[in-house]
Amino acid sequence: MIFWVLLSFYLLICNRKNLKHFIISAIAFGIGVPTKESAIFFLPALLYTAHSQAHKTYKSFAVVKWVAISVAIISLYPLYATLKVELFLQKAVKNM
């Protein structure tokens, strides 16, 4: 989790600020959250960094794109848990 969150921060604060860096940062954060759910606590700091580091001509576009990509990747986590039969059945298995 730490690797993905730090990679996301690094891509947001590096000197070259292309939209490509915002997209890869969102992908890294999206991978980091399912890795360990406590990564979600870094979301406010990452959103602030994305907002403050984006160029003024595409600031709102970059932040919305960052949020959309992160949410899209994080939303795949319930599907992954369902496919591994860990979403709802873990409590039932422990009680048996």
C-alpha atoms as a PDB file:
ATOM      1  CA  MET A   1       0.000   0.000   0.000  1.00  0.00           C
ATOM      2  CA  ILE A   2       2.782   2.427   0.894  1.00  0.00           C
ATOM      3  CA  PHE A   3       4.444   1.973  -2.494  1.00  0.00           C
ATOM      4  CA  TRP A   4       1.254   2.804  -4.400  1.00  0.00           C
ATOM      5  CA  VAL A   5       0.366   5.817  -2.254  1.00  0.00           C
ATOM      6  CA  LEU A   6       3.889   7.221  -2.415  1.00  0.00           C
ATOM      7  CA  LEU A   7       3.968   6.679  -6.177  1.00  0.00           C
ATOM      8  CA  SER A   8       0.683   8.552  -6.433  1.00  0.00           C
ATOM      9  CA  PHE A   9       2.049  11.457  -4.383  1.00  0.00           C
ATOM     10  CA  TYR A  10       5.277  11.523  -6.383  1.00  0.00           C
ATOM     11  CA  LEU A  11       3.458  11.670  -9.697  1.00  0.00           C
ATOM     12  CA  LEU A  12       1.359  14.577  -8.460  1.00  0.00           C
ATOM     13  CA  ILE A  13       4.298  16.657  -7.240  1.00  0.00           C
ATOM     14  CA  CYS A  14       6.897  15.905  -9.937  1.00  0.00           C
ATOM     15  CA  ASN A  15       8.138  18.816 -12.042  1.00  0.00           C
ATOM     16  CA  ARG A  16       6.444  17.808 -15.293  1.00  0.00           C
ATOM     17  CA  LYS A  17       2.726  18.155 -14.743  1.00  0.00           C
ATOM     18  CA  ASN A  18       0.997  16.476 -17.669  1.00  0.00           C
ATOM     19  CA  LEU A  19      -2.456  14.965 -17.540  1.00  0.00           C
ATOM     20  CA  LYS A  20      -0.658  11.654 -18.026  1.00  0.00           C
ATOM     21  CA  HIS A  21       0.837  12.045 -14.545  1.00  0.00           C
ATOM     22  CA  PHE A  22      -2.603  12.651 -13.025  1.00  0.00           C
ATOM     23  CA  ILE A  23      -3.979   9.543 -14.739  1.00  0.00           C
ATOM     24  CA  ILE A  24      -1.118   7.309 -13.584  1.00  0.00           C
ATOM     25  CA  SER A  25      -1.373   8.785 -10.089  1.00  0.00           C
ATOM     26  CA  ALA A  26      -5.069   7.914  -9.959  1.00  0.00           C
ATOM     27  CA  ILE A  27      -4.342   4.377 -11.139  1.00  0.00           C
ATOM     28  CA  ALA A  28      -1.656   3.974  -8.474  1.00  0.00           C
ATOM     29  CA  PHE A  29      -3.998   5.209  -5.737  1.00  0.00           C
ATOM     30  CA  GLY A  30      -6.784   3.008  -7.083  1.00  0.00           C
ATOM     31  CA  ILE A  31      -4.512  -0.020  -6.777  1.00  0.00           C
ATOM     32  CA  GLY A  32      -3.315   1.036  -3.333  1.00  0.00           C
ATOM     33  CA  VAL A  33      -6.759   1.171  -1.719  1.00  0.00           C
ATOM     34  CA  PRO A  34      -7.755  -2.463  -2.383  1.00  0.00           C
ATOM     35  CA  THR A  35      -4.257  -3.513  -1.329  1.00  0.00           C
ATOM     36  CA  LYS A  36      -4.931  -2.171   2.152  1.00  0.00           C
ATOM     37  CA  GLU A  37      -8.125  -0.299   2.896  1.00  0.00           C
ATOM     38  CA  SER A  38      -6.468   2.183   5.246  1.00  0.00           C
ATOM     39  CA  ALA A  39      -4.997   3.916   2.180  1.00  0.00           C
ATOM     40  CA  ILE A  40      -8.353   5.683   1.824  1.00  0.00           C
ATOM     41  CA  PHE A  41      -7.270   8.022   4.638  1.00  0.00           C
ATOM     42  CA  PHE A  42      -4.746   9.566   2.232  1.00  0.00           C
ATOM     43  CA  LEU A  43      -7.566  10.658  -0.097  1.00  0.00           C
ATOM     44  CA  PRO A  44      -7.975  14.223   1.268  1.00  0.00           C
ATOM     45  CA  ALA A  45      -4.240  14.883   1.045  1.00  0.00           C
ATOM     46  CA  LEU A  46      -4.061  13.504  -2.479  1.00  0.00           C
ATOM     47  CA  LEU A  47      -7.084  15.528  -3.585  1.00  0.00           C
ATOM     48  CA  TYR A  48      -5.566  18.700  -2.168  1.00  0.00           C
ATOM     49  CA  THR A  49      -2.248  17.936  -3.850  1.00  0.00           C
ATOM     50  CA  ALA A  50      -3.944  17.236  -7.180  1.00  0.00           C
ATOM     51  CA  HIS A  51      -5.891  20.495  -6.923  1.00  0.00           C
ATOM     52  CA  SER A  52      -2.900  22.594  -5.942  1.00  0.00           C
ATOM     53  CA  GLN A  53      -0.446  21.085  -8.430  1.00  0.00           C
ATOM     54  CA  ALA A  54      -2.622  21.117 -11.560  1.00  0.00           C
ATOM     55  CA  HIS A  55      -2.098  23.834 -14.114  1.00  0.00           C
ATOM     56  CA  LYS A  56      -4.774  26.525 -13.929  1.00  0.00           C
ATOM     57  CA  THR A  57      -6.009  25.905 -17.497  1.00  0.00           C
ATOM     58  CA  TYR A  58      -7.028  22.296 -16.795  1.00  0.00           C
ATOM     59  CA  LYS A  59      -7.264  22.238 -12.990  1.00  0.00           C
ATOM     60  CA  SER A  60     -10.901  21.166 -12.678  1.00  0.00           C
ATOM     61  CA  PHE A  61     -10.581  18.655 -15.524  1.00  0.00           C
ATOM     62  CA  ALA A  62      -7.494  17.058 -13.960  1.00  0.00           C
ATOM     63  CA  VAL A  63      -9.057  16.756 -10.501  1.00  0.00           C
ATOM     64  CA  VAL A  64     -12.336  15.318 -11.821  1.00  0.00           C
ATOM     65  CA  LYS A  65     -10.432  12.877 -14.017  1.00  0.00           C
ATOM     66  CA  TRP A  66      -8.249  11.851 -11.047  1.00  0.00           C
ATOM     67  CA  VAL A  67     -11.318  11.205  -8.873  1.00  0.00           C
ATOM     68  CA  ALA A  68     -13.179   9.341 -11.629  1.00  0.00           C
ATOM     69  CA  ILE A  69     -10.309   6.999 -12.407  1.00  0.00           C
ATOM     70  CA  SER A  70      -9.608   6.319  -8.726  1.00  0.00           C
ATOM     71  CA  VAL A  71     -13.258   5.575  -7.973  1.00  0.00           C
ATOM     72  CA  ALA A  72     -13.538   3.345 -11.055  1.00  0.00           C
ATOM     73  CA  ILE A  73     -10.597   1.213  -9.963  1.00  0.00           C
ATOM     74  CA  ILE A  74     -11.627   1.111  -6.290  1.00  0.00           C
ATOM     75  CA  SER A  75     -15.164   0.091  -7.271  1.00  0.00           C
ATOM     76  CA  LEU A  76     -13.761  -3.130  -8.755  1.00  0.00           C
ATOM     77  CA  TYR A  77     -12.845  -4.308  -5.246  1.00  0.00           C
ATOM     78  CA  PRO A  78     -16.313  -5.727  -4.398  1.00  0.00           C
ATOM     79  CA  LEU A  79     -16.265  -7.652  -7.677  1.00  0.00           C
ATOM     80  CA  TYR A  80     -12.862  -9.076  -6.788  1.00  0.00           C
ATOM     81  CA  ALA A  81     -14.049 -10.068  -3.310  1.00  0.00           C
ATOM     82  CA  THR A  82     -17.170 -11.677  -4.761  1.00  0.00           C
ATOM     83  CA  LEU A  83     -15.146 -13.721  -7.219  1.00  0.00           C
ATOM     84  CA  LYS A  84     -12.930 -14.961  -4.387  1.00  0.00           C
ATOM     85  CA  VAL A  85     -16.072 -15.782  -2.325  1.00  0.00           C
ATOM     86  CA  GLU A  86     -14.994 -13.448   0.469  1.00  0.00           C
ATOM     87  CA  LEU A  87     -17.566 -10.684   0.311  1.00  0.00           C
ATOM     88  CA  PHE A  88     -20.498 -12.014   2.354  1.00  0.00           C
ATOM     89  CA  LEU A  89     -19.617 -15.622   3.067  1.00  0.00           C
ATOM     90  CA  GLN A  90     -16.648 -15.063   5.365  1.00  0.00           C
ATOM     91  CA  LYS A  91     -18.863 -14.607   8.466  1.00  0.00           C
ATOM     92  CA  ALA A  92     -20.901 -17.702   7.586  1.00  0.00           C
ATOM     93  CA  VAL A  93     -17.756 -19.786   7.199  1.00  0.00           C
ATOM     94  CA  LYS A  94     -16.364 -18.619  10.572  1.00  0.00           C
ATOM     95  CA  ASN A  95     -19.614 -19.512  12.367  1.00  0.00           C
ATOM     96  CA  MET A  96     -19.573 -23.101  11.106  1.00  0.00           C
END
